[in-house]
Amino acid sequence: MTTDSGVVPSQHGQLQESLQTLSKYLELALDEGECVVLVRHGAEVCAVYIGDPTGAEDDLAGHGTIAVALADEVLDLTAAGANQITIGDQTYRFIRSFTHIADRGAVVFTPA
């Protein structure tokens, strides 16, 4: 696993789990031609949606939740703006941005 910044995360469980989680949702977003949207719900849980964050809230399809610690790790391994991350033999390119959905902050990963 490498990032475009040249950082090579260790194979330690949490880093690998966070990147695998991100890749799973990016694959769903690519399949549907949409974005991955993370919205924090409380101190422990972050909801994951696939859809268009600029449309109606109903346009976002719920795809479960992840622990806030895992979401924080994903944010630590990515940056605002353009990103390129290789996980295994698959390279993902996406734009990470921020928006508001229903008066809550949301992080958006838009496949590029």
PDB file of N, CA and C in Angstrom:
ATOM      1  N   MET A   1       0.837  -1.169   0.000  1.00  0.00           N
ATOM      2  CA  MET A   1       0.000   0.000   0.000  1.00  0.00           C
ATOM      3  C   MET A   1       0.882   1.232   0.000  1.00  0.00           C
ATOM      4  N   THR A   2       0.618   2.143  -0.922  1.00  0.00           N
ATOM      5  CA  THR A   2       1.363   3.392  -0.949  1.00  0.00           C
ATOM      6  C   THR A   2       0.412   4.540  -1.228  1.00  0.00           C
ATOM      7  N   THR A   3       0.828   5.722  -0.859  1.00  0.00           N
ATOM      8  CA  THR A   3       0.074   6.925  -1.184  1.00  0.00           C
ATOM      9  C   THR A   3       0.913   7.774  -2.113  1.00  0.00           C
ATOM     10  N   ASP A   4       0.305   8.759  -2.756  1.00  0.00           N
ATOM     11  CA  ASP A   4       1.050   9.599  -3.684  1.00  0.00           C
ATOM     12  C   ASP A   4       2.104  10.445  -2.974  1.00  0.00           C
ATOM     13  N   SER A   5       2.020  10.548  -1.664  1.00  0.00           N
ATOM     14  CA  SER A   5       3.018  11.317  -0.928  1.00  0.00           C
ATOM     15  C   SER A   5       4.277  10.504  -0.686  1.00  0.00           C
ATOM     16  N   GLY A   6       4.280   9.235  -1.094  1.00  0.00           N
ATOM     17  CA  GLY A   6       5.431   8.377  -0.907  1.00  0.00           C
ATOM     18  C   GLY A   6       5.415   7.642   0.419  1.00  0.00           C
ATOM     19  N   VAL A   7       4.394   7.890   1.240  1.00  0.00           N
ATOM     20  CA  VAL A   7       4.297   7.207   2.522  1.00  0.00           C
ATOM     21  C   VAL A   7       3.885   5.762   2.291  1.00  0.00           C
ATOM     22  N   VAL A   8       4.558   4.849   2.930  1.00  0.00           N
ATOM     23  CA  VAL A   8       4.190   3.441   2.836  1.00  0.00           C
ATOM     24  C   VAL A   8       3.722   3.009   4.212  1.00  0.00           C
ATOM     25  N   PRO A   9       2.402   2.935   4.415  1.00  0.00           N
ATOM     26  CA  PRO A   9       1.910   2.539   5.724  1.00  0.00           C
ATOM     27  C   PRO A   9       2.354   1.120   6.067  1.00  0.00           C
ATOM     28  N   SER A  10       2.525   0.877   7.331  1.00  0.00           N
ATOM     29  CA  SER A  10       2.880  -0.477   7.758  1.00  0.00           C
ATOM     30  C   SER A  10       1.717  -1.413   7.475  1.00  0.00           C
ATOM     31  N   GLN A  11       1.986  -2.674   7.517  1.00  0.00           N
ATOM     32  CA  GLN A  11       0.932  -3.662   7.300  1.00  0.00           C
ATOM     33  C   GLN A  11       0.130  -3.885   8.581  1.00  0.00           C
ATOM     34  N   HIS A  12       0.403  -3.081   9.597  1.00  0.00           N
ATOM     35  CA  HIS A  12      -0.295  -3.218  10.869  1.00  0.00           C
ATOM     36  C   HIS A  12      -1.797  -3.135  10.638  1.00  0.00           C
ATOM     37  N   GLY A  13      -2.574  -3.872  11.422  1.00  0.00           N
ATOM     38  CA  GLY A  13      -4.008  -4.047  11.237  1.00  0.00           C
ATOM     39  C   GLY A  13      -4.834  -2.809  11.000  1.00  0.00           C
ATOM     40  N   GLN A  14      -4.711  -1.789  11.853  1.00  0.00           N
ATOM     41  CA  GLN A  14      -5.579  -0.627  11.741  1.00  0.00           C
ATOM     42  C   GLN A  14      -5.369   0.120  10.432  1.00  0.00           C
ATOM     43  N   LEU A  15      -4.129   0.346  10.031  1.00  0.00           N
ATOM     44  CA  LEU A  15      -3.878   1.042   8.774  1.00  0.00           C
ATOM     45  C   LEU A  15      -4.413   0.244   7.606  1.00  0.00           C
ATOM     46  N   GLN A  16      -4.137  -1.039   7.593  1.00  0.00           N
ATOM     47  CA  GLN A  16      -4.622  -1.877   6.506  1.00  0.00           C
ATOM     48  C   GLN A  16      -6.145  -1.913   6.500  1.00  0.00           C
ATOM     49  N   GLU A  17      -6.760  -2.025   7.660  1.00  0.00           N
ATOM     50  CA  GLU A  17      -8.221  -2.069   7.736  1.00  0.00           C
ATOM     51  C   GLU A  17      -8.836  -0.769   7.230  1.00  0.00           C
ATOM     52  N   SER A  18      -8.251   0.370   7.580  1.00  0.00           N
ATOM     53  CA  SER A  18      -8.826   1.638   7.146  1.00  0.00           C
ATOM     54  C   SER A  18      -8.732   1.803   5.634  1.00  0.00           C
ATOM     55  N   LEU A  19      -7.611   1.428   5.045  1.00  0.00           N
ATOM     56  CA  LEU A  19      -7.476   1.527   3.586  1.00  0.00           C
ATOM     57  C   LEU A  19      -8.359   0.514   2.870  1.00  0.00           C
ATOM     58  N   GLN A  20      -8.500  -0.672   3.413  1.00  0.00           N
ATOM     59  CA  GLN A  20      -9.401  -1.666   2.812  1.00  0.00           C
ATOM     60  C   GLN A  20     -10.852  -1.182   2.873  1.00  0.00           C
ATOM     61  N   THR A  21     -11.213  -0.558   3.984  1.00  0.00           N
ATOM     62  CA  THR A  21     -12.567  -0.020   4.128  1.00  0.00           C
ATOM     63  C   THR A  21     -12.804   1.074   3.092  1.00  0.00           C
ATOM     64  N   LEU A  22     -11.847   1.993   2.967  1.00  0.00           N
ATOM     65  CA  LEU A  22     -11.969   3.048   1.973  1.00  0.00           C
ATOM     66  C   LEU A  22     -12.100   2.463   0.572  1.00  0.00           C
ATOM     67  N   SER A  23     -11.277   1.476   0.238  1.00  0.00           N
ATOM     68  CA  SER A  23     -11.331   0.897  -1.113  1.00  0.00           C
ATOM     69  C   SER A  23     -12.677   0.226  -1.382  1.00  0.00           C
ATOM     70  N   LYS A  24     -13.236  -0.417  -0.368  1.00  0.00           N
ATOM     71  CA  LYS A  24     -14.551  -1.067  -0.528  1.00  0.00           C
ATOM     72  C   LYS A  24     -15.616  -0.043  -0.912  1.00  0.00           C
ATOM     73  N   TYR A  25     -15.631   1.080  -0.218  1.00  0.00           N
ATOM     74  CA  TYR A  25     -16.638   2.103  -0.514  1.00  0.00           C
ATOM     75  C   TYR A  25     -16.342   2.841  -1.813  1.00  0.00           C
ATOM     76  N   LEU A  26     -15.076   3.048  -2.135  1.00  0.00           N
ATOM     77  CA  LEU A  26     -14.738   3.660  -3.426  1.00  0.00           C
ATOM     78  C   LEU A  26     -15.189   2.773  -4.577  1.00  0.00           C
ATOM     79  N   GLU A  27     -15.050   1.460  -4.432  1.00  0.00           N
ATOM     80  CA  GLU A  27     -15.521   0.526  -5.469  1.00  0.00           C
ATOM     81  C   GLU A  27     -17.031   0.653  -5.658  1.00  0.00           C
ATOM     82  N   LEU A  28     -17.780   0.742  -4.557  1.00  0.00           N
ATOM     83  CA  LEU A  28     -19.233   0.927  -4.648  1.00  0.00           C
ATOM     84  C   LEU A  28     -19.566   2.238  -5.361  1.00  0.00           C
ATOM     85  N   ALA A  29     -18.853   3.289  -4.995  1.00  0.00           N
ATOM     86  CA  ALA A  29     -19.101   4.587  -5.618  1.00  0.00           C
ATOM     87  C   ALA A  29     -18.797   4.553  -7.114  1.00  0.00           C
ATOM     88  N   LEU A  30     -17.691   3.902  -7.475  1.00  0.00           N
ATOM     89  CA  LEU A  30     -17.348   3.782  -8.893  1.00  0.00           C
ATOM     90  C   LEU A  30     -18.407   3.005  -9.651  1.00  0.00           C
ATOM     91  N   ASP A  31     -18.899   1.915  -9.065  1.00  0.00           N
ATOM     92  CA  ASP A  31     -19.934   1.102  -9.711  1.00  0.00           C
ATOM     93  C   ASP A  31     -21.205   1.899  -9.962  1.00  0.00           C
ATOM     94  N   GLU A  32     -21.523   2.815  -9.038  1.00  0.00           N
ATOM     95  CA  GLU A  32     -22.769   3.568  -9.135  1.00  0.00           C
ATOM     96  C   GLU A  32     -22.574   4.961  -9.731  1.00  0.00           C
ATOM     97  N   GLY A  33     -21.332   5.330 -10.044  1.00  0.00           N
ATOM     98  CA  GLY A  33     -21.066   6.656 -10.601  1.00  0.00           C
ATOM     99  C   GLY A  33     -21.377   7.766  -9.618  1.00  0.00           C
ATOM    100  N   GLU A  34     -21.131   7.513  -8.343  1.00  0.00           N
ATOM    101  CA  GLU A  34     -21.465   8.471  -7.294  1.00  0.00           C
ATOM    102  C   GLU A  34     -20.269   8.729  -6.389  1.00  0.00           C
ATOM    103  N   CYS A  35     -20.521   9.340  -5.241  1.00  0.00           N
ATOM    104  CA  CYS A  35     -19.497   9.682  -4.255  1.00  0.00           C
ATOM    105  C   CYS A  35     -19.685   8.863  -2.980  1.00  0.00           C
ATOM    106  N   VAL A  36     -18.607   8.755  -2.208  1.00  0.00           N
ATOM    107  CA  VAL A  36     -18.674   8.205  -0.853  1.00  0.00           C
ATOM    108  C   VAL A  36     -18.798   9.401   0.082  1.00  0.00           C
ATOM    109  N   VAL A  37     -19.759   9.338   0.997  1.00  0.00           N
ATOM    110  CA  VAL A  37     -19.997  10.437   1.929  1.00  0.00           C
ATOM    111  C   VAL A  37     -19.955   9.885   3.348  1.00  0.00           C
ATOM    112  N   LEU A  38     -19.102  10.461   4.190  1.00  0.00           N
ATOM    113  CA  LEU A  38     -19.003  10.075   5.600  1.00  0.00           C
ATOM    114  C   LEU A  38     -19.613  11.177   6.452  1.00  0.00           C
ATOM    115  N   VAL A  39     -20.566  10.805   7.311  1.00  0.00           N
ATOM    116  CA  VAL A  39     -21.219  11.759   8.204  1.00  0.00           C
ATOM    117  C   VAL A  39     -21.139  11.208   9.620  1.00  0.00           C
ATOM    118  N   ARG A  40     -20.552  11.986  10.498  1.00  0.00           N
ATOM    119  CA  ARG A  40     -20.410  11.554  11.891  1.00  0.00           C
ATOM    120  C   ARG A  40     -21.748  11.639  12.608  1.00  0.00           C
ATOM    121  N   HIS A  41     -22.110  10.551  13.286  1.00  0.00           N
ATOM    122  CA  HIS A  41     -23.338  10.490  14.084  1.00  0.00           C
ATOM    123  C   HIS A  41     -22.946  10.107  15.501  1.00  0.00           C
ATOM    124  N   GLY A  42     -22.726  11.084  16.336  1.00  0.00           N
ATOM    125  CA  GLY A  42     -22.328  10.821  17.710  1.00  0.00           C
ATOM    126  C   GLY A  42     -20.820  10.673  17.833  1.00  0.00           C
ATOM    127  N   ALA A  43     -20.391  10.273  19.023  1.00  0.00           N
ATOM    128  CA  ALA A  43     -18.963  10.202  19.335  1.00  0.00           C
ATOM    129  C   ALA A  43     -18.279   8.947  18.804  1.00  0.00           C
ATOM    130  N   GLU A  44     -19.043   7.922  18.476  1.00  0.00           N
ATOM    131  CA  GLU A  44     -18.438   6.630  18.145  1.00  0.00           C
ATOM    132  C   GLU A  44     -18.689   6.130  16.729  1.00  0.00           C
ATOM    133  N   VAL A  45     -19.676   6.692  16.031  1.00  0.00           N
ATOM    134  CA  VAL A  45     -20.112   6.111  14.765  1.00  0.00           C
ATOM    135  C   VAL A  45     -20.139   7.145  13.647  1.00  0.00           C
ATOM    136  N   CYS A  46     -19.716   6.702  12.475  1.00  0.00           N
ATOM    137  CA  CYS A  46     -19.745   7.515  11.266  1.00  0.00           C
ATOM    138  C   CYS A  46     -20.566   6.758  10.224  1.00  0.00           C
ATOM    139  N   ALA A  47     -21.626   7.392   9.724  1.00  0.00           N
ATOM    140  CA  ALA A  47     -22.464   6.764   8.707  1.00  0.00           C
ATOM    141  C   ALA A  47     -21.804   6.909   7.342  1.00  0.00           C
ATOM    142  N   VAL A  48     -21.949   5.872   6.513  1.00  0.00           N
ATOM    143  CA  VAL A  48     -21.380   5.873   5.165  1.00  0.00           C
ATOM    144  C   VAL A  48     -22.533   5.863   4.164  1.00  0.00           C
ATOM    145  N   TYR A  49     -22.484   6.816   3.245  1.00  0.00           N
ATOM    146  CA  TYR A  49     -23.498   6.913   2.201  1.00  0.00           C
ATOM    147  C   TYR A  49     -22.810   6.880   0.840  1.00  0.00           C
ATOM    148  N   ILE A  50     -23.560   6.428  -0.154  1.00  0.00           N
ATOM    149  CA  ILE A  50     -23.130   6.510  -1.546  1.00  0.00           C
ATOM    150  C   ILE A  50     -24.195   7.330  -2.254  1.00  0.00           C
ATOM    151  N   GLY A  51     -23.763   8.356  -2.973  1.00  0.00           N
ATOM    152  CA  GLY A  51     -24.723   9.185  -3.683  1.00  0.00           C
ATOM    153  C   GLY A  51     -24.155  10.537  -4.025  1.00  0.00           C
ATOM    154  N   ASP A  52     -25.061  11.449  -4.366  1.00  0.00           N
ATOM    155  CA  ASP A  52     -24.697  12.805  -4.756  1.00  0.00           C
ATOM    156  C   ASP A  52     -24.940  13.735  -3.574  1.00  0.00           C
ATOM    157  N   PRO A  53     -23.873  14.218  -2.934  1.00  0.00           N
ATOM    158  CA  PRO A  53     -24.060  15.064  -1.760  1.00  0.00           C
ATOM    159  C   PRO A  53     -24.621  16.448  -2.080  1.00  0.00           C
ATOM    160  N   THR A  54     -24.671  16.829  -3.361  1.00  0.00           N
ATOM    161  CA  THR A  54     -25.208  18.135  -3.721  1.00  0.00           C
ATOM    162  C   THR A  54     -26.712  18.077  -3.948  1.00  0.00           C
ATOM    163  N   GLY A  55     -27.278  16.883  -4.029  1.00  0.00           N
ATOM    164  CA  GLY A  55     -28.708  16.724  -4.245  1.00  0.00           C
ATOM    165  C   GLY A  55     -29.465  16.662  -2.933  1.00  0.00           C
ATOM    166  N   ALA A  56     -30.661  16.149  -3.009  1.00  0.00           N
ATOM    167  CA  ALA A  56     -31.488  15.986  -1.818  1.00  0.00           C
ATOM    168  C   ALA A  56     -30.893  14.907  -0.916  1.00  0.00           C
ATOM    169  N   GLU A  57     -31.134  15.057   0.391  1.00  0.00           N
ATOM    170  CA  GLU A  57     -30.618  14.072   1.347  1.00  0.00           C
ATOM    171  C   GLU A  57     -31.119  12.666   1.012  1.00  0.00           C
ATOM    172  N   ASP A  58     -32.303  12.568   0.438  1.00  0.00           N
ATOM    173  CA  ASP A  58     -32.872  11.273   0.051  1.00  0.00           C
ATOM    174  C   ASP A  58     -32.100  10.618  -1.082  1.00  0.00           C
ATOM    175  N   ASP A  59     -31.245  11.387  -1.784  1.00  0.00           N
ATOM    176  CA  ASP A  59     -30.442  10.842  -2.879  1.00  0.00           C
ATOM    177  C   ASP A  59     -29.255  10.024  -2.374  1.00  0.00           C
ATOM    178  N   LEU A  60     -29.003  10.081  -1.071  1.00  0.00           N
ATOM    179  CA  LEU A  60     -27.886   9.337  -0.489  1.00  0.00           C
ATOM    180  C   LEU A  60     -28.378   7.983   0.019  1.00  0.00           C
ATOM    181  N   ALA A  61     -27.732   6.929  -0.449  1.00  0.00           N
ATOM    182  CA  ALA A  61     -28.095   5.574  -0.024  1.00  0.00           C
ATOM    183  C   ALA A  61     -27.183   5.151   1.125  1.00  0.00           C
ATOM    184  N   GLY A  62     -27.773   4.783   2.254  1.00  0.00           N
ATOM    185  CA  GLY A  62     -26.998   4.343   3.410  1.00  0.00           C
ATOM    186  C   GLY A  62     -26.309   3.016   3.134  1.00  0.00           C
ATOM    187  N   HIS A  63     -25.047   2.933   3.527  1.00  0.00           N
ATOM    188  CA  HIS A  63     -24.271   1.695   3.353  1.00  0.00           C
ATOM    189  C   HIS A  63     -23.604   1.297   4.660  1.00  0.00           C
ATOM    190  N   GLY A  64     -24.306   1.518   5.764  1.00  0.00           N
ATOM    191  CA  GLY A  64     -23.810   1.085   7.058  1.00  0.00           C
ATOM    192  C   GLY A  64     -23.049   2.165   7.791  1.00  0.00           C
ATOM    193  N   THR A  65     -22.317   1.727   8.802  1.00  0.00           N
ATOM    194  CA  THR A  65     -21.538   2.637   9.630  1.00  0.00           C
ATOM    195  C   THR A  65     -20.137   2.069   9.840  1.00  0.00           C
ATOM    196  N   ILE A  66     -19.235   2.965  10.191  1.00  0.00           N
ATOM    197  CA  ILE A  66     -17.886   2.564  10.590  1.00  0.00           C
ATOM    198  C   ILE A  66     -17.561   3.309  11.884  1.00  0.00           C
ATOM    199  N   ALA A  67     -16.631   2.781  12.628  1.00  0.00           N
ATOM    200  CA  ALA A  67     -16.204   3.432  13.863  1.00  0.00           C
ATOM    201  C   ALA A  67     -15.530   4.767  13.536  1.00  0.00           C
ATOM    202  N   VAL A  68     -15.715   5.747  14.401  1.00  0.00           N
ATOM    203  CA  VAL A  68     -15.085   7.050  14.210  1.00  0.00           C
ATOM    204  C   VAL A  68     -13.566   6.905  14.146  1.00  0.00           C
ATOM    205  N   ALA A  69     -13.004   6.015  14.940  1.00  0.00           N
ATOM    206  CA  ALA A  69     -11.547   5.804  14.910  1.00  0.00           C
ATOM    207  C   ALA A  69     -11.090   5.359  13.525  1.00  0.00           C
ATOM    208  N   LEU A  70     -11.868   4.501  12.872  1.00  0.00           N
ATOM    209  CA  LEU A  70     -11.535   4.043  11.525  1.00  0.00           C
ATOM    210  C   LEU A  70     -11.673   5.187  10.525  1.00  0.00           C
ATOM    211  N   ALA A  71     -12.731   5.979  10.654  1.00  0.00           N
ATOM    212  CA  ALA A  71     -12.921   7.134   9.772  1.00  0.00           C
ATOM    213  C   ALA A  71     -11.786   8.141   9.963  1.00  0.00           C
ATOM    214  N   ASP A  72     -11.381   8.356  11.202  1.00  0.00           N
ATOM    215  CA  ASP A  72     -10.269   9.273  11.466  1.00  0.00           C
ATOM    216  C   ASP A  72      -8.980   8.783  10.820  1.00  0.00           C
ATOM    217  N   GLU A  73      -8.764   7.476  10.836  1.00  0.00           N
ATOM    218  CA  GLU A  73      -7.570   6.906  10.210  1.00  0.00           C
ATOM    219  C   GLU A  73      -7.604   7.128   8.697  1.00  0.00           C
ATOM    220  N   VAL A  74      -8.781   6.959   8.087  1.00  0.00           N
ATOM    221  CA  VAL A  74      -8.925   7.227   6.650  1.00  0.00           C
ATOM    222  C   VAL A  74      -8.586   8.685   6.362  1.00  0.00           C
ATOM    223  N   LEU A  75      -9.058   9.587   7.203  1.00  0.00           N
ATOM    224  CA  LEU A  75      -8.769  11.009   7.006  1.00  0.00           C
ATOM    225  C   LEU A  75      -7.289  11.307   7.196  1.00  0.00           C
ATOM    226  N   ASP A  76      -6.652  10.619   8.133  1.00  0.00           N
ATOM    227  CA  ASP A  76      -5.206  10.810   8.340  1.00  0.00           C
ATOM    228  C   ASP A  76      -4.392  10.342   7.136  1.00  0.00           C
ATOM    229  N   LEU A  77      -4.880   9.328   6.435  1.00  0.00           N
ATOM    230  CA  LEU A  77      -4.143   8.746   5.308  1.00  0.00           C
ATOM    231  C   LEU A  77      -4.458   9.416   3.972  1.00  0.00           C
ATOM    232  N   THR A  78      -5.425  10.329   3.984  1.00  0.00           N
ATOM    233  CA  THR A  78      -5.786  11.060   2.769  1.00  0.00           C
ATOM    234  C   THR A  78      -5.671  12.556   3.059  1.00  0.00           C
ATOM    235  N   ALA A  79      -5.811  13.347   2.029  1.00  0.00           N
ATOM    236  CA  ALA A  79      -5.707  14.800   2.180  1.00  0.00           C
ATOM    237  C   ALA A  79      -6.854  15.474   1.443  1.00  0.00           C
ATOM    238  N   ALA A  80      -7.167  16.685   1.857  1.00  0.00           N
ATOM    239  CA  ALA A  80      -8.154  17.462   1.120  1.00  0.00           C
ATOM    240  C   ALA A  80      -7.611  17.691  -0.289  1.00  0.00           C
ATOM    241  N   GLY A  81      -8.496  17.608  -1.272  1.00  0.00           N
ATOM    242  CA  GLY A  81      -8.077  17.768  -2.662  1.00  0.00           C
ATOM    243  C   GLY A  81      -7.804  16.433  -3.312  1.00  0.00           C
ATOM    244  N   ALA A  82      -6.944  16.448  -4.320  1.00  0.00           N
ATOM    245  CA  ALA A  82      -6.665  15.250  -5.121  1.00  0.00           C
ATOM    246  C   ALA A  82      -5.827  14.243  -4.344  1.00  0.00           C
ATOM    247  N   ASN A  83      -6.189  12.978  -4.462  1.00  0.00           N
ATOM    248  CA  ASN A  83      -5.486  11.874  -3.825  1.00  0.00           C
ATOM    249  C   ASN A  83      -5.292  10.739  -4.818  1.00  0.00           C
ATOM    250  N   GLN A  84      -4.229   9.996  -4.626  1.00  0.00           N
ATOM    251  CA  GLN A  84      -3.993   8.758  -5.363  1.00  0.00           C
ATOM    252  C   GLN A  84      -3.418   7.756  -4.367  1.00  0.00           C
ATOM    253  N   ILE A  85      -4.117   6.658  -4.176  1.00  0.00           N
ATOM    254  CA  ILE A  85      -3.685   5.637  -3.225  1.00  0.00           C
ATOM    255  C   ILE A  85      -3.723   4.287  -3.914  1.00  0.00           C
ATOM    256  N   THR A  86      -2.675   3.513  -3.732  1.00  0.00           N
ATOM    257  CA  THR A  86      -2.629   2.152  -4.260  1.00  0.00           C
ATOM    258  C   THR A  86      -2.820   1.184  -3.103  1.00  0.00           C
ATOM    259  N   ILE A  87      -3.807   0.322  -3.245  1.00  0.00           N
ATOM    260  CA  ILE A  87      -4.110  -0.700  -2.247  1.00  0.00           C
ATOM    261  C   ILE A  87      -4.038  -2.035  -2.969  1.00  0.00           C
ATOM    262  N   GLY A  88      -3.064  -2.852  -2.578  1.00  0.00           N
ATOM    263  CA  GLY A  88      -2.814  -4.078  -3.329  1.00  0.00           C
ATOM    264  C   GLY A  88      -2.323  -3.695  -4.709  1.00  0.00           C
ATOM    265  N   ASP A  89      -3.012  -4.190  -5.728  1.00  0.00           N
ATOM    266  CA  ASP A  89      -2.620  -3.841  -7.096  1.00  0.00           C
ATOM    267  C   ASP A  89      -3.587  -2.855  -7.743  1.00  0.00           C
ATOM    268  N   GLN A  90      -4.478  -2.270  -6.946  1.00  0.00           N
ATOM    269  CA  GLN A  90      -5.482  -1.338  -7.459  1.00  0.00           C
ATOM    270  C   GLN A  90      -5.134   0.090  -7.035  1.00  0.00           C
ATOM    271  N   THR A  91      -5.115   1.013  -7.990  1.00  0.00           N
ATOM    272  CA  THR A  91      -4.871   2.421  -7.697  1.00  0.00           C
ATOM    273  C   THR A  91      -6.192   3.174  -7.750  1.00  0.00           C
ATOM    274  N   TYR A  92      -6.439   3.965  -6.723  1.00  0.00           N
ATOM    275  CA  TYR A  92      -7.660   4.769  -6.631  1.00  0.00           C
ATOM    276  C   TYR A  92      -7.278   6.237  -6.694  1.00  0.00           C
ATOM    277  N   ARG A  93      -8.001   6.974  -7.523  1.00  0.00           N
ATOM    278  CA  ARG A  93      -7.832   8.420  -7.614  1.00  0.00           C
ATOM    279  C   ARG A  93      -9.161   9.043  -7.216  1.00  0.00           C
ATOM    280  N   PHE A  94      -9.087  10.011  -6.325  1.00  0.00           N
ATOM    281  CA  PHE A  94     -10.311  10.646  -5.844  1.00  0.00           C
ATOM    282  C   PHE A  94      -9.998  12.037  -5.308  1.00  0.00           C
ATOM    283  N   ILE A  95     -11.055  12.821  -5.181  1.00  0.00           N
ATOM    284  CA  ILE A  95     -10.983  14.156  -4.592  1.00  0.00           C
ATOM    285  C   ILE A  95     -11.673  14.071  -3.237  1.00  0.00           C
ATOM    286  N   ARG A  96     -10.979  14.516  -2.187  1.00  0.00           N
ATOM    287  CA  ARG A  96     -11.608  14.575  -0.863  1.00  0.00           C
ATOM    288  C   ARG A  96     -12.009  16.015  -0.600  1.00  0.00           C
ATOM    289  N   SER A  97     -13.288  16.216  -0.255  1.00  0.00           N
ATOM    290  CA  SER A  97     -13.800  17.549   0.016  1.00  0.00           C
ATOM    291  C   SER A  97     -14.711  17.507   1.239  1.00  0.00           C
ATOM    292  N   PHE A  98     -15.253  18.651   1.588  1.00  0.00           N
ATOM    293  CA  PHE A  98     -16.093  18.783   2.761  1.00  0.00           C
ATOM    294  C   PHE A  98     -17.370  19.500   2.369  1.00  0.00           C
ATOM    295  N   THR A  99     -18.484  19.087   2.973  1.00  0.00           N
ATOM    296  CA  THR A  99     -19.759  19.758   2.739  1.00  0.00           C
ATOM    297  C   THR A  99     -20.611  19.630   3.998  1.00  0.00           C
ATOM    298  N   HIS A 100     -21.820  20.161   3.943  1.00  0.00           N
ATOM    299  CA  HIS A 100     -22.789  20.007   5.028  1.00  0.00           C
ATOM    300  C   HIS A 100     -24.004  19.260   4.493  1.00  0.00           C
ATOM    301  N   ILE A 101     -24.471  18.319   5.278  1.00  0.00           N
ATOM    302  CA  ILE A 101     -25.682  17.579   4.940  1.00  0.00           C
ATOM    303  C   ILE A 101     -26.546  17.571   6.195  1.00  0.00           C
ATOM    304  N   ALA A 102     -27.747  18.118   6.079  1.00  0.00           N
ATOM    305  CA  ALA A 102     -28.675  18.192   7.216  1.00  0.00           C
ATOM    306  C   ALA A 102     -27.981  18.804   8.435  1.00  0.00           C
ATOM    307  N   ASP A 103     -27.298  19.922   8.229  1.00  0.00           N
ATOM    308  CA  ASP A 103     -26.624  20.669   9.301  1.00  0.00           C
ATOM    309  C   ASP A 103     -25.506  19.896   9.990  1.00  0.00           C
ATOM    310  N   ARG A 104     -24.971  18.883   9.329  1.00  0.00           N
ATOM    311  CA  ARG A 104     -23.827  18.137   9.853  1.00  0.00           C
ATOM    312  C   ARG A 104     -22.700  18.207   8.836  1.00  0.00           C
ATOM    313  N   GLY A 105     -21.486  18.230   9.333  1.00  0.00           N
ATOM    314  CA  GLY A 105     -20.339  18.186   8.451  1.00  0.00           C
ATOM    315  C   GLY A 105     -20.232  16.818   7.803  1.00  0.00           C
ATOM    316  N   ALA A 106     -19.788  16.798   6.573  1.00  0.00           N
ATOM    317  CA  ALA A 106     -19.634  15.535   5.841  1.00  0.00           C
ATOM    318  C   ALA A 106     -18.361  15.597   5.013  1.00  0.00           C
ATOM    319  N   VAL A 107     -17.652  14.481   4.969  1.00  0.00           N
ATOM    320  CA  VAL A 107     -16.470  14.349   4.135  1.00  0.00           C
ATOM    321  C   VAL A 107     -16.897  13.582   2.885  1.00  0.00           C
ATOM    322  N   VAL A 108     -16.500  14.081   1.732  1.00  0.00           N
ATOM    323  CA  VAL A 108     -16.910  13.502   0.453  1.00  0.00           C
ATOM    324  C   VAL A 108     -15.669  13.014  -0.292  1.00  0.00           C
ATOM    325  N   PHE A 109     -15.731  11.763  -0.763  1.00  0.00           N
ATOM    326  CA  PHE A 109     -14.693  11.187  -1.609  1.00  0.00           C
ATOM    327  C   PHE A 109     -15.301  11.008  -2.986  1.00  0.00           C
ATOM    328  N   THR A 110     -14.845  11.805  -3.953  1.00  0.00           N
ATOM    329  CA  THR A 110     -15.372  11.755  -5.306  1.00  0.00           C
ATOM    330  C   THR A 110     -14.355  11.053  -6.214  1.00  0.00           C
ATOM    331  N   PRO A 111     -14.707   9.869  -6.730  1.00  0.00           N
ATOM    332  CA  PRO A 111     -13.773   9.184  -7.641  1.00  0.00           C
ATOM    333  C   PRO A 111     -13.426  10.078  -8.817  1.00  0.00           C
ATOM    334  N   ALA A 112     -12.145  10.057  -9.180  1.00  0.00           N
ATOM    335  CA  ALA A 112     -11.694  10.897 -10.294  1.00  0.00           C
ATOM    336  C   ALA A 112     -11.229  10.029 -11.445  1.00  0.00           C
TER     337      ALA A 112
END
